[in-house]
């Protein structure tokens, strides 16, 4: 397995680095992703069933690593404190509508589960 990984490194690392750098723009980021790619290759080499498809397999791992990099970069926003801390305010009509939807479901439950006492807020 080690010999196989060494062969892949010698054969593909320059092309993969170029492939990655063309998609991420920075050489240092490409270096990090390439390292991740070879860790995945080394740990998953036993899942390769057809050695004739090694090139496609390697590039699929590489594309997935690039996608993972961009997913990790995606910014998230925090909920506004007023929204995160507040309880939803439902109108009487909304409560009735919800009750109308829930009652048939409650009635379809087995007898031991269908009592109002079984429903706890």
PDB file of N, CA and C in Angstrom:
ATOM      1  N   UNK A   1       0.820  -1.194   0.000  1.00  0.00           N
ATOM      2  CA  UNK A   1       0.000   0.000   0.000  1.00  0.00           C
ATOM      3  C   UNK A   1       0.866   1.261   0.000  1.00  0.00           C
ATOM      4  N   UNK A   2       1.940   1.269   0.803  1.00  0.00           N
ATOM      5  CA  UNK A   2       2.834   2.420   0.852  1.00  0.00           C
ATOM      6  C   UNK A   2       3.468   2.640  -0.512  1.00  0.00           C
ATOM      7  N   UNK A   3       3.915   1.555  -1.156  1.00  0.00           N
ATOM      8  CA  UNK A   3       4.512   1.686  -2.478  1.00  0.00           C
ATOM      9  C   UNK A   3       3.524   2.285  -3.467  1.00  0.00           C
ATOM     10  N   UNK A   4       2.267   1.909  -3.347  1.00  0.00           N
ATOM     11  CA  UNK A   4       1.231   2.433  -4.228  1.00  0.00           C
ATOM     12  C   UNK A   4       1.066   3.938  -3.992  1.00  0.00           C
ATOM     13  N   UNK A   5       1.041   4.354  -2.736  1.00  0.00           N
ATOM     14  CA  UNK A   5       0.901   5.775  -2.415  1.00  0.00           C
ATOM     15  C   UNK A   5       2.116   6.551  -2.917  1.00  0.00           C
ATOM     16  N   UNK A   6       3.299   5.975  -2.754  1.00  0.00           N
ATOM     17  CA  UNK A   6       4.513   6.625  -3.257  1.00  0.00           C
ATOM     18  C   UNK A   6       4.465   6.774  -4.774  1.00  0.00           C
ATOM     19  N   UNK A   7       4.010   5.747  -5.455  1.00  0.00           N
ATOM     20  CA  UNK A   7       3.876   5.806  -6.911  1.00  0.00           C
ATOM     21  C   UNK A   7       2.895   6.914  -7.306  1.00  0.00           C
ATOM     22  N   UNK A   8       1.767   6.962  -6.626  1.00  0.00           N
ATOM     23  CA  UNK A   8       0.768   7.998  -6.935  1.00  0.00           C
ATOM     24  C   UNK A   8       1.359   9.376  -6.693  1.00  0.00           C
ATOM     25  N   UNK A   9       2.118   9.535  -5.613  1.00  0.00           N
ATOM     26  CA  UNK A   9       2.746  10.833  -5.315  1.00  0.00           C
ATOM     27  C   UNK A   9       3.668  11.238  -6.452  1.00  0.00           C
ATOM     28  N   UNK A  10       4.550  10.336  -6.841  1.00  0.00           N
ATOM     29  CA  UNK A  10       5.510  10.645  -7.909  1.00  0.00           C
ATOM     30  C   UNK A  10       4.801  10.945  -9.225  1.00  0.00           C
ATOM     31  N   UNK A  11       3.761  10.213  -9.510  1.00  0.00           N
ATOM     32  CA  UNK A  11       3.070  10.308 -10.789  1.00  0.00           C
ATOM     33  C   UNK A  11       2.102  11.496 -10.870  1.00  0.00           C
ATOM     34  N   UNK A  12       1.470  11.856  -9.748  1.00  0.00           N
ATOM     35  CA  UNK A  12       0.350  12.794  -9.810  1.00  0.00           C
ATOM     36  C   UNK A  12       0.508  14.089  -9.015  1.00  0.00           C
ATOM     37  N   UNK A  13       1.445  14.179  -8.090  1.00  0.00           N
ATOM     38  CA  UNK A  13       1.411  15.331  -7.187  1.00  0.00           C
ATOM     39  C   UNK A  13       1.558  16.666  -7.900  1.00  0.00           C
ATOM     40  N   UNK A  14       2.398  16.778  -8.902  1.00  0.00           N
ATOM     41  CA  UNK A  14       2.574  18.063  -9.604  1.00  0.00           C
ATOM     42  C   UNK A  14       1.302  18.447 -10.359  1.00  0.00           C
ATOM     43  N   UNK A  15       0.708  17.473 -11.024  1.00  0.00           N
ATOM     44  CA  UNK A  15      -0.532  17.750 -11.769  1.00  0.00           C
ATOM     45  C   UNK A  15      -1.681  18.078 -10.830  1.00  0.00           C
ATOM     46  N   UNK A  16      -1.763  17.359  -9.720  1.00  0.00           N
ATOM     47  CA  UNK A  16      -2.827  17.635  -8.761  1.00  0.00           C
ATOM     48  C   UNK A  16      -2.655  19.008  -8.125  1.00  0.00           C
ATOM     49  N   UNK A  17      -1.423  19.354  -7.801  1.00  0.00           N
ATOM     50  CA  UNK A  17      -1.172  20.672  -7.207  1.00  0.00           C
ATOM     51  C   UNK A  17      -1.623  21.766  -8.171  1.00  0.00           C
ATOM     52  N   UNK A  18      -1.288  21.622  -9.419  1.00  0.00           N
ATOM     53  CA  UNK A  18      -1.700  22.599 -10.432  1.00  0.00           C
ATOM     54  C   UNK A  18      -3.222  22.633 -10.566  1.00  0.00           C
ATOM     55  N   UNK A  19      -3.836  21.469 -10.597  1.00  0.00           N
ATOM     56  CA  UNK A  19      -5.290  21.344 -10.691  1.00  0.00           C
ATOM     57  C   UNK A  19      -5.961  22.073  -9.522  1.00  0.00           C
ATOM     58  N   UNK A  20      -5.451  21.848  -8.327  1.00  0.00           N
ATOM     59  CA  UNK A  20      -6.022  22.471  -7.128  1.00  0.00           C
ATOM     60  C   UNK A  20      -5.784  23.976  -7.141  1.00  0.00           C
ATOM     61  N   UNK A  21      -4.554  24.380  -7.433  1.00  0.00           N
ATOM     62  CA  UNK A  21      -4.226  25.815  -7.400  1.00  0.00           C
ATOM     63  C   UNK A  21      -5.050  26.597  -8.422  1.00  0.00           C
ATOM     64  N   UNK A  22      -5.344  26.015  -9.558  1.00  0.00           N
ATOM     65  CA  UNK A  22      -6.193  26.687 -10.545  1.00  0.00           C
ATOM     66  C   UNK A  22      -7.601  26.920 -10.016  1.00  0.00           C
ATOM     67  N   UNK A  23      -8.012  26.159  -9.026  1.00  0.00           N
ATOM     68  CA  UNK A  23      -9.357  26.285  -8.485  1.00  0.00           C
ATOM     69  C   UNK A  23      -9.434  27.088  -7.193  1.00  0.00           C
ATOM     70  N   UNK A  24      -8.322  27.184  -6.467  1.00  0.00           N
ATOM     71  CA  UNK A  24      -8.351  27.939  -5.211  1.00  0.00           C
ATOM     72  C   UNK A  24      -7.520  29.217  -5.256  1.00  0.00           C
ATOM     73  N   UNK A  25      -6.593  29.304  -6.179  1.00  0.00           N
ATOM     74  CA  UNK A  25      -5.851  30.546  -6.379  1.00  0.00           C
ATOM     75  C   UNK A  25      -4.587  30.737  -5.564  1.00  0.00           C
ATOM     76  N   UNK A  26      -4.479  30.141  -4.412  1.00  0.00           N
ATOM     77  CA  UNK A  26      -3.310  30.355  -3.557  1.00  0.00           C
ATOM     78  C   UNK A  26      -2.490  29.074  -3.443  1.00  0.00           C
ATOM     79  N   UNK A  27      -1.179  29.224  -3.596  1.00  0.00           N
ATOM     80  CA  UNK A  27      -0.297  28.054  -3.539  1.00  0.00           C
ATOM     81  C   UNK A  27      -0.304  27.402  -2.162  1.00  0.00           C
ATOM     82  N   UNK A  28      -0.331  28.201  -1.106  1.00  0.00           N
ATOM     83  CA  UNK A  28      -0.304  27.620   0.241  1.00  0.00           C
ATOM     84  C   UNK A  28      -1.589  26.842   0.537  1.00  0.00           C
ATOM     85  N   UNK A  29      -2.721  27.356   0.051  1.00  0.00           N
ATOM     86  CA  UNK A  29      -3.986  26.642   0.229  1.00  0.00           C
ATOM     87  C   UNK A  29      -3.954  25.355  -0.596  1.00  0.00           C
ATOM     88  N   UNK A  30      -3.424  25.444  -1.812  1.00  0.00           N
ATOM     89  CA  UNK A  30      -3.301  24.259  -2.666  1.00  0.00           C
ATOM     90  C   UNK A  30      -2.422  23.203  -2.000  1.00  0.00           C
ATOM     91  N   UNK A  31      -1.342  23.641  -1.333  1.00  0.00           N
ATOM     92  CA  UNK A  31      -0.472  22.708  -0.607  1.00  0.00           C
ATOM     93  C   UNK A  31      -1.257  21.970   0.477  1.00  0.00           C
ATOM     94  N   UNK A  32      -2.055  22.722   1.235  1.00  0.00           N
ATOM     95  CA  UNK A  32      -2.839  22.114   2.309  1.00  0.00           C
ATOM     96  C   UNK A  32      -3.857  21.118   1.764  1.00  0.00           C
ATOM     97  N   UNK A  33      -4.543  21.510   0.701  1.00  0.00           N
ATOM     98  CA  UNK A  33      -5.543  20.621   0.111  1.00  0.00           C
ATOM     99  C   UNK A  33      -4.871  19.379  -0.471  1.00  0.00           C
ATOM    100  N   UNK A  34      -3.728  19.570  -1.121  1.00  0.00           N
ATOM    101  CA  UNK A  34      -3.001  18.426  -1.687  1.00  0.00           C
ATOM    102  C   UNK A  34      -2.594  17.443  -0.592  1.00  0.00           C
ATOM    103  N   UNK A  35      -2.165  17.973   0.532  1.00  0.00           N
ATOM    104  CA  UNK A  35      -1.817  17.101   1.654  1.00  0.00           C
ATOM    105  C   UNK A  35      -3.049  16.318   2.109  1.00  0.00           C
ATOM    106  N   UNK A  36      -4.185  16.980   2.199  1.00  0.00           N
ATOM    107  CA  UNK A  36      -5.428  16.315   2.572  1.00  0.00           C
ATOM    108  C   UNK A  36      -5.793  15.234   1.548  1.00  0.00           C
ATOM    109  N   UNK A  37      -5.616  15.550   0.269  1.00  0.00           N
ATOM    110  CA  UNK A  37      -5.913  14.598  -0.803  1.00  0.00           C
ATOM    111  C   UNK A  37      -5.068  13.334  -0.630  1.00  0.00           C
ATOM    112  N   UNK A  38      -3.782  13.495  -0.375  1.00  0.00           N
ATOM    113  CA  UNK A  38      -2.926  12.316  -0.245  1.00  0.00           C
ATOM    114  C   UNK A  38      -3.198  11.542   1.038  1.00  0.00           C
ATOM    115  N   UNK A  39      -3.649  12.216   2.068  1.00  0.00           N
ATOM    116  CA  UNK A  39      -4.065  11.486   3.267  1.00  0.00           C
ATOM    117  C   UNK A  39      -5.290  10.627   2.948  1.00  0.00           C
ATOM    118  N   UNK A  40      -6.237  11.194   2.187  1.00  0.00           N
ATOM    119  CA  UNK A  40      -7.428  10.436   1.798  1.00  0.00           C
ATOM    120  C   UNK A  40      -7.059   9.277   0.870  1.00  0.00           C
ATOM    121  N   UNK A  41      -6.183   9.546  -0.077  1.00  0.00           N
ATOM    122  CA  UNK A  41      -5.753   8.484  -0.997  1.00  0.00           C
ATOM    123  C   UNK A  41      -5.129   7.337  -0.206  1.00  0.00           C
ATOM    124  N   UNK A  42      -4.228   7.670   0.688  1.00  0.00           N
ATOM    125  CA  UNK A  42      -3.531   6.645   1.467  1.00  0.00           C
ATOM    126  C   UNK A  42      -4.504   5.841   2.330  1.00  0.00           C
ATOM    127  N   UNK A  43      -5.460   6.533   2.944  1.00  0.00           N
ATOM    128  CA  UNK A  43      -6.377   5.825   3.845  1.00  0.00           C
ATOM    129  C   UNK A  43      -7.486   5.076   3.106  1.00  0.00           C
ATOM    130  N   UNK A  44      -7.728   5.436   1.842  1.00  0.00           N
ATOM    131  CA  UNK A  44      -8.833   4.811   1.101  1.00  0.00           C
ATOM    132  C   UNK A  44      -8.370   3.960  -0.079  1.00  0.00           C
ATOM    133  N   UNK A  45      -7.088   3.746  -0.214  1.00  0.00           N
ATOM    134  CA  UNK A  45      -6.569   3.028  -1.384  1.00  0.00           C
ATOM    135  C   UNK A  45      -7.168   1.622  -1.502  1.00  0.00           C
ATOM    136  N   UNK A  46      -7.526   1.036  -0.380  1.00  0.00           N
ATOM    137  CA  UNK A  46      -8.100  -0.311  -0.433  1.00  0.00           C
ATOM    138  C   UNK A  46      -9.530  -0.329  -0.976  1.00  0.00           C
ATOM    139  N   UNK A  47     -10.153   0.849  -1.143  1.00  0.00           N
ATOM    140  CA  UNK A  47     -11.497   0.899  -1.711  1.00  0.00           C
ATOM    141  C   UNK A  47     -11.472   0.959  -3.240  1.00  0.00           C
ATOM    142  N   UNK A  48     -10.297   1.162  -3.823  1.00  0.00           N
ATOM    143  CA  UNK A  48     -10.165   1.198  -5.282  1.00  0.00           C
ATOM    144  C   UNK A  48     -10.285  -0.222  -5.814  1.00  0.00           C
ATOM    145  N   UNK A  49     -11.348  -0.468  -6.580  1.00  0.00           N
ATOM    146  CA  UNK A  49     -11.608  -1.820  -7.067  1.00  0.00           C
ATOM    147  C   UNK A  49     -10.957  -2.099  -8.418  1.00  0.00           C
ATOM    148  N   UNK A  50     -10.799  -1.064  -9.239  1.00  0.00           N
ATOM    149  CA  UNK A  50     -10.256  -1.248 -10.580  1.00  0.00           C
ATOM    150  C   UNK A  50      -9.071  -0.299 -10.755  1.00  0.00           C
ATOM    151  N   UNK A  51      -7.865  -0.844 -10.741  1.00  0.00           N
ATOM    152  CA  UNK A  51      -6.661  -0.006 -10.856  1.00  0.00           C
ATOM    153  C   UNK A  51      -6.601   0.758 -12.172  1.00  0.00           C
ATOM    154  N   UNK A  52      -7.335   0.305 -13.165  1.00  0.00           N
ATOM    155  CA  UNK A  52      -7.388   1.013 -14.443  1.00  0.00           C
ATOM    156  C   UNK A  52      -8.130   2.336 -14.341  1.00  0.00           C
ATOM    157  N   UNK A  53      -8.856   2.523 -13.245  1.00  0.00           N
ATOM    158  CA  UNK A  53      -9.618   3.752 -13.038  1.00  0.00           C
ATOM    159  C   UNK A  53      -8.993   4.644 -11.974  1.00  0.00           C
ATOM    160  N   UNK A  54      -7.711   4.430 -11.707  1.00  0.00           N
ATOM    161  CA  UNK A  54      -7.058   5.158 -10.619  1.00  0.00           C
ATOM    162  C   UNK A  54      -7.038   6.666 -10.854  1.00  0.00           C
ATOM    163  N   UNK A  55      -6.825   7.089 -12.087  1.00  0.00           N
ATOM    164  CA  UNK A  55      -6.753   8.522 -12.387  1.00  0.00           C
ATOM    165  C   UNK A  55      -8.082   9.206 -12.045  1.00  0.00           C
ATOM    166  N   UNK A  56      -9.188   8.639 -12.488  1.00  0.00           N
ATOM    167  CA  UNK A  56     -10.503   9.205 -12.182  1.00  0.00           C
ATOM    168  C   UNK A  56     -10.791   9.193 -10.698  1.00  0.00           C
ATOM    169  N   UNK A  57     -10.384   8.114 -10.032  1.00  0.00           N
ATOM    170  CA  UNK A  57     -10.578   7.982  -8.593  1.00  0.00           C
ATOM    171  C   UNK A  57      -9.817   9.067  -7.839  1.00  0.00           C
ATOM    172  N   UNK A  58      -8.572   9.296  -8.243  1.00  0.00           N
ATOM    173  CA  UNK A  58      -7.743  10.326  -7.600  1.00  0.00           C
ATOM    174  C   UNK A  58      -8.334  11.710  -7.823  1.00  0.00           C
ATOM    175  N   UNK A  59      -8.765  11.988  -9.037  1.00  0.00           N
ATOM    176  CA  UNK A  59      -9.326  13.307  -9.319  1.00  0.00           C
ATOM    177  C   UNK A  59     -10.674  13.509  -8.631  1.00  0.00           C
ATOM    178  N   UNK A  60     -11.434  12.449  -8.418  1.00  0.00           N
ATOM    179  CA  UNK A  60     -12.692  12.585  -7.673  1.00  0.00           C
ATOM    180  C   UNK A  60     -12.400  12.934  -6.223  1.00  0.00           C
ATOM    181  N   UNK A  61     -11.418  12.297  -5.635  1.00  0.00           N
ATOM    182  CA  UNK A  61     -11.004  12.629  -4.267  1.00  0.00           C
ATOM    183  C   UNK A  61     -10.549  14.080  -4.207  1.00  0.00           C
ATOM    184  N   UNK A  62      -9.803  14.508  -5.219  1.00  0.00           N
ATOM    185  CA  UNK A  62      -9.299  15.881  -5.254  1.00  0.00           C
ATOM    186  C   UNK A  62     -10.444  16.883  -5.370  1.00  0.00           C
ATOM    187  N   UNK A  63     -11.390  16.620  -6.264  1.00  0.00           N
ATOM    188  CA  UNK A  63     -12.543  17.524  -6.406  1.00  0.00           C
ATOM    189  C   UNK A  63     -13.332  17.601  -5.099  1.00  0.00           C
ATOM    190  N   UNK A  64     -13.510  16.464  -4.438  1.00  0.00           N
ATOM    191  CA  UNK A  64     -14.224  16.462  -3.160  1.00  0.00           C
ATOM    192  C   UNK A  64     -13.484  17.277  -2.100  1.00  0.00           C
ATOM    193  N   UNK A  65     -12.169  17.186  -2.079  1.00  0.00           N
ATOM    194  CA  UNK A  65     -11.376  17.961  -1.114  1.00  0.00           C
ATOM    195  C   UNK A  65     -11.501  19.463  -1.393  1.00  0.00           C
ATOM    196  N   UNK A  66     -11.536  19.847  -2.655  1.00  0.00           N
ATOM    197  CA  UNK A  66     -11.709  21.253  -3.015  1.00  0.00           C
ATOM    198  C   UNK A  66     -13.094  21.733  -2.588  1.00  0.00           C
ATOM    199  N   UNK A  67     -14.105  20.918  -2.824  1.00  0.00           N
ATOM    200  CA  UNK A  67     -15.464  21.266  -2.400  1.00  0.00           C
ATOM    201  C   UNK A  67     -15.525  21.410  -0.886  1.00  0.00           C
ATOM    202  N   UNK A  68     -14.887  20.497  -0.169  1.00  0.00           N
ATOM    203  CA  UNK A  68     -14.860  20.577   1.289  1.00  0.00           C
ATOM    204  C   UNK A  68     -14.190  21.862   1.756  1.00  0.00           C
ATOM    205  N   UNK A  69     -13.124  22.264   1.068  1.00  0.00           N
ATOM    206  CA  UNK A  69     -12.441  23.517   1.405  1.00  0.00           C
ATOM    207  C   UNK A  69     -13.406  24.699   1.274  1.00  0.00           C
ATOM    208  N   UNK A  70     -14.122  24.776   0.164  1.00  0.00           N
ATOM    209  CA  UNK A  70     -15.041  25.893  -0.042  1.00  0.00           C
ATOM    210  C   UNK A  70     -16.228  25.845   0.920  1.00  0.00           C
ATOM    211  N   UNK A  71     -16.686  24.667   1.253  1.00  0.00           N
ATOM    212  CA  UNK A  71     -17.772  24.567   2.240  1.00  0.00           C
ATOM    213  C   UNK A  71     -17.326  25.092   3.590  1.00  0.00           C
ATOM    214  N   UNK A  72     -16.105  24.796   3.960  1.00  0.00           N
ATOM    215  CA  UNK A  72     -15.573  25.257   5.247  1.00  0.00           C
ATOM    216  C   UNK A  72     -15.408  26.776   5.271  1.00  0.00           C
ATOM    217  N   UNK A  73     -15.234  27.394   4.104  1.00  0.00           N
ATOM    218  CA  UNK A  73     -15.059  28.842   4.018  1.00  0.00           C
ATOM    219  C   UNK A  73     -16.383  29.607   4.056  1.00  0.00           C
ATOM    220  N   UNK A  74     -17.488  28.876   3.856  1.00  0.00           N
ATOM    221  CA  UNK A  74     -18.793  29.520   3.785  1.00  0.00           C
ATOM    222  C   UNK A  74     -19.093  30.231   5.100  1.00  0.00           C
ATOM    223  N   UNK A  75     -19.442  31.483   4.996  1.00  0.00           N
ATOM    224  CA  UNK A  75     -19.734  32.275   6.185  1.00  0.00           C
ATOM    225  C   UNK A  75     -21.154  32.008   6.652  1.00  0.00           C
ATOM    226  N   UNK A  76     -21.310  31.988   7.949  1.00  0.00           N
ATOM    227  CA  UNK A  76     -22.636  31.842   8.532  1.00  0.00           C
ATOM    228  C   UNK A  76     -22.945  33.094   9.328  1.00  0.00           C
ATOM    229  N   UNK A  77     -24.195  33.367   9.466  1.00  0.00           N
ATOM    230  CA  UNK A  77     -24.622  34.532  10.226  1.00  0.00           C
ATOM    231  C   UNK A  77     -25.334  34.065  11.485  1.00  0.00           C
ATOM    232  N   UNK A  78     -25.122  34.814  12.552  1.00  0.00           N
ATOM    233  CA  UNK A  78     -25.818  34.507  13.788  1.00  0.00           C
ATOM    234  C   UNK A  78     -27.222  35.062  13.712  1.00  0.00           C
ATOM    235  N   UNK A  79     -28.122  34.396  14.419  1.00  0.00           N
ATOM    236  CA  UNK A  79     -29.473  34.914  14.510  1.00  0.00           C
ATOM    237  C   UNK A  79     -29.467  36.191  15.334  1.00  0.00           C
ATOM    238  N   UNK A  80     -30.294  37.150  14.998  1.00  0.00           N
ATOM    239  CA  UNK A  80     -30.389  38.343  15.839  1.00  0.00           C
ATOM    240  C   UNK A  80     -30.816  37.941  17.244  1.00  0.00           C
ATOM    241  N   UNK A  81     -30.270  38.577  18.269  1.00  0.00           N
ATOM    242  CA  UNK A  81     -30.587  38.183  19.650  1.00  0.00           C
ATOM    243  C   UNK A  81     -32.089  38.228  19.939  1.00  0.00           C
ATOM    244  N   UNK A  82     -32.776  39.167  19.343  1.00  0.00           N
ATOM    245  CA  UNK A  82     -34.215  39.257  19.600  1.00  0.00           C
ATOM    246  C   UNK A  82     -34.955  38.054  19.017  1.00  0.00           C
ATOM    247  N   UNK A  83     -34.500  37.552  17.898  1.00  0.00           N
ATOM    248  CA  UNK A  83     -35.138  36.397  17.280  1.00  0.00           C
ATOM    249  C   UNK A  83     -34.779  35.114  18.011  1.00  0.00           C
ATOM    250  N   UNK A  84     -33.530  34.975  18.369  1.00  0.00           N
ATOM    251  CA  UNK A  84     -33.069  33.754  19.018  1.00  0.00           C
ATOM    252  C   UNK A  84     -33.668  33.588  20.413  1.00  0.00           C
ATOM    253  N   UNK A  85     -33.927  34.692  21.110  1.00  0.00           N
ATOM    254  CA  UNK A  85     -34.399  34.620  22.487  1.00  0.00           C
ATOM    255  C   UNK A  85     -35.918  34.636  22.606  1.00  0.00           C
ATOM    256  N   UNK A  86     -36.597  35.012  21.562  1.00  0.00           N
ATOM    257  CA  UNK A  86     -38.042  35.177  21.680  1.00  0.00           C
ATOM    258  C   UNK A  86     -38.788  33.888  21.373  1.00  0.00           C
ATOM    259  N   UNK A  87     -39.923  33.746  22.004  1.00  0.00           N
ATOM    260  CA  UNK A  87     -40.808  32.639  21.698  1.00  0.00           C
ATOM    261  C   UNK A  87     -41.757  33.094  20.603  1.00  0.00           C
ATOM    262  N   UNK A  88     -42.155  32.195  19.741  1.00  0.00           N
ATOM    263  CA  UNK A  88     -43.063  32.615  18.682  1.00  0.00           C
ATOM    264  C   UNK A  88     -44.408  33.037  19.259  1.00  0.00           C
ATOM    265  N   UNK A  89     -44.947  34.092  18.718  1.00  0.00           N
ATOM    266  CA  UNK A  89     -46.253  34.578  19.131  1.00  0.00           C
ATOM    267  C   UNK A  89     -47.254  34.108  18.087  1.00  0.00           C
ATOM    268  N   UNK A  90     -48.177  33.269  18.515  1.00  0.00           N
ATOM    269  CA  UNK A  90     -49.165  32.723  17.600  1.00  0.00           C
ATOM    270  C   UNK A  90     -50.522  33.359  17.859  1.00  0.00           C
ATOM    271  N   UNK A  91     -51.188  33.678  16.802  1.00  0.00           N
ATOM    272  CA  UNK A  91     -52.543  34.204  16.938  1.00  0.00           C
ATOM    273  C   UNK A  91     -53.475  33.059  17.312  1.00  0.00           C
ATOM    274  N   UNK A  92     -54.661  33.406  17.771  1.00  0.00           N
ATOM    275  CA  UNK A  92     -55.646  32.377  18.112  1.00  0.00           C
ATOM    276  C   UNK A  92     -55.991  31.543  16.888  1.00  0.00           C
ATOM    277  N   UNK A  93     -56.067  32.189  15.714  1.00  0.00           N
ATOM    278  CA  UNK A  93     -56.383  31.466  14.487  1.00  0.00           C
ATOM    279  C   UNK A  93     -55.275  30.458  14.170  1.00  0.00           C
ATOM    280  N   UNK A  94     -54.020  30.882  14.337  1.00  0.00           N
ATOM    281  CA  UNK A  94     -52.910  29.967  14.071  1.00  0.00           C
ATOM    282  C   UNK A  94     -52.953  28.785  15.026  1.00  0.00           C
ATOM    283  N   UNK A  95     -53.248  29.040  16.295  1.00  0.00           N
ATOM    284  CA  UNK A  95     -53.352  27.957  17.270  1.00  0.00           C
ATOM    285  C   UNK A  95     -54.472  26.993  16.895  1.00  0.00           C
ATOM    286  N   UNK A  96     -55.617  27.552  16.459  1.00  0.00           N
ATOM    287  CA  UNK A  96     -56.726  26.699  16.029  1.00  0.00           C
ATOM    288  C   UNK A  96     -56.336  25.860  14.817  1.00  0.00           C
ATOM    289  N   UNK A  97     -55.637  26.488  13.853  1.00  0.00           N
ATOM    290  CA  UNK A  97     -55.200  25.763  12.649  1.00  0.00           C
ATOM    291  C   UNK A  97     -54.257  24.620  13.008  1.00  0.00           C
ATOM    292  N   UNK A  98     -53.339  24.894  13.917  1.00  0.00           N
ATOM    293  CA  UNK A  98     -52.400  23.856  14.347  1.00  0.00           C
ATOM    294  C   UNK A  98     -53.159  22.735  15.052  1.00  0.00           C
ATOM    295  N   UNK A  99     -54.089  23.111  15.916  1.00  0.00           N
ATOM    296  CA  UNK A  99     -54.898  22.118  16.621  1.00  0.00           C
ATOM    297  C   UNK A  99     -55.692  21.258  15.648  1.00  0.00           C
ATOM    298  N   UNK A 100     -56.227  21.892  14.609  1.00  0.00           N
ATOM    299  CA  UNK A 100     -56.988  21.165  13.599  1.00  0.00           C
ATOM    300  C   UNK A 100     -56.107  20.132  12.891  1.00  0.00           C
ATOM    301  N   UNK A 101     -54.868  20.486  12.674  1.00  0.00           N
ATOM    302  CA  UNK A 101     -53.937  19.549  12.009  1.00  0.00           C
ATOM    303  C   UNK A 101     -53.486  18.440  12.950  1.00  0.00           C
ATOM    304  N   UNK A 102     -53.260  18.784  14.208  1.00  0.00           N
ATOM    305  CA  UNK A 102     -52.707  17.809  15.145  1.00  0.00           C
ATOM    306  C   UNK A 102     -53.733  16.807  15.658  1.00  0.00           C
ATOM    307  N   UNK A 103     -54.978  17.219  15.834  1.00  0.00           N
ATOM    308  CA  UNK A 103     -55.988  16.330  16.420  1.00  0.00           C
ATOM    309  C   UNK A 103     -56.151  15.023  15.635  1.00  0.00           C
ATOM    310  N   UNK A 104     -56.245  15.039  14.292  1.00  0.00           N
ATOM    311  CA  UNK A 104     -56.351  13.751  13.589  1.00  0.00           C
ATOM    312  C   UNK A 104     -55.124  12.859  13.827  1.00  0.00           C
ATOM    313  N   UNK A 105     -53.939  13.456  13.937  1.00  0.00           N
ATOM    314  CA  UNK A 105     -52.740  12.664  14.209  1.00  0.00           C
ATOM    315  C   UNK A 105     -52.800  12.065  15.614  1.00  0.00           C
ATOM    316  N   UNK A 106     -53.236  12.875  16.569  1.00  0.00           N
ATOM    317  CA  UNK A 106     -53.331  12.395  17.948  1.00  0.00           C
ATOM    318  C   UNK A 106     -54.355  11.268  18.034  1.00  0.00           C
ATOM    319  N   UNK A 107     -55.463  11.444  17.349  1.00  0.00           N
ATOM    320  CA  UNK A 107     -56.519  10.426  17.378  1.00  0.00           C
ATOM    321  C   UNK A 107     -56.080   9.119  16.710  1.00  0.00           C
ATOM    322  N   UNK A 108     -55.111   9.187  15.823  1.00  0.00           N
ATOM    323  CA  UNK A 108     -54.649   7.961  15.167  1.00  0.00           C
ATOM    324  C   UNK A 108     -53.602   7.206  15.993  1.00  0.00           C
ATOM    325  N   UNK A 109     -53.165   7.794  17.094  1.00  0.00           N
ATOM    326  CA  UNK A 109     -52.187   7.129  17.955  1.00  0.00           C
ATOM    327  C   UNK A 109     -52.844   5.985  18.722  1.00  0.00           C
ATOM    328  N   UNK A 110     -52.041   5.031  19.182  1.00  0.00           N
ATOM    329  CA  UNK A 110     -52.596   3.971  20.030  1.00  0.00           C
ATOM    330  C   UNK A 110     -53.198   4.588  21.294  1.00  0.00           C
ATOM    331  N   UNK A 111     -54.148   3.918  21.909  1.00  0.00           N
ATOM    332  CA  UNK A 111     -54.880   4.469  23.050  1.00  0.00           C
ATOM    333  C   UNK A 111     -53.970   4.980  24.161  1.00  0.00           C
ATOM    334  N   UNK A 112     -52.902   4.241  24.471  1.00  0.00           N
ATOM    335  CA  UNK A 112     -52.039   4.657  25.578  1.00  0.00           C
ATOM    336  C   UNK A 112     -51.239   5.934  25.265  1.00  0.00           C
ATOM    337  N   UNK A 113     -51.137   6.327  23.991  1.00  0.00           N
ATOM    338  CA  UNK A 113     -50.379   7.512  23.597  1.00  0.00           C
ATOM    339  C   UNK A 113     -51.276   8.684  23.215  1.00  0.00           C
ATOM    340  N   UNK A 114     -52.562   8.426  23.026  1.00  0.00           N
ATOM    341  CA  UNK A 114     -53.445   9.429  22.468  1.00  0.00           C
ATOM    342  C   UNK A 114     -54.073  10.352  23.506  1.00  0.00           C
ATOM    343  N   UNK A 115     -53.766  10.195  24.768  1.00  0.00           N
ATOM    344  CA  UNK A 115     -54.364  11.076  25.774  1.00  0.00           C
ATOM    345  C   UNK A 115     -53.646  12.405  25.791  1.00  0.00           C
ATOM    346  N   UNK A 116     -54.363  13.426  26.170  1.00  0.00           N
ATOM    347  CA  UNK A 116     -53.795  14.774  26.241  1.00  0.00           C
ATOM    348  C   UNK A 116     -52.637  14.804  27.248  1.00  0.00           C
ATOM    349  N   UNK A 117     -52.701  13.992  28.308  1.00  0.00           N
ATOM    350  CA  UNK A 117     -51.636  13.963  29.304  1.00  0.00           C
ATOM    351  C   UNK A 117     -50.319  13.480  28.697  1.00  0.00           C
ATOM    352  N   UNK A 118     -50.402  12.690  27.630  1.00  0.00           N
ATOM    353  CA  UNK A 118     -49.183  12.180  26.989  1.00  0.00           C
ATOM    354  C   UNK A 118     -48.445  13.248  26.212  1.00  0.00           C
ATOM    355  N   UNK A 119     -49.125  14.351  25.933  1.00  0.00           N
ATOM    356  CA  UNK A 119     -48.513  15.444  25.173  1.00  0.00           C
ATOM    357  C   UNK A 119     -47.988  16.464  26.172  1.00  0.00           C
ATOM    358  N   UNK A 120     -46.701  16.568  26.233  1.00  0.00           N
ATOM    359  CA  UNK A 120     -46.079  17.509  27.187  1.00  0.00           C
ATOM    360  C   UNK A 120     -45.360  18.591  26.413  1.00  0.00           C
ATOM    361  N   UNK A 121     -45.575  19.837  26.816  1.00  0.00           N
ATOM    362  CA  UNK A 121     -44.901  20.951  26.117  1.00  0.00           C
ATOM    363  C   UNK A 121     -43.424  20.975  26.361  1.00  0.00           C
TER     364      UNK A 121
END
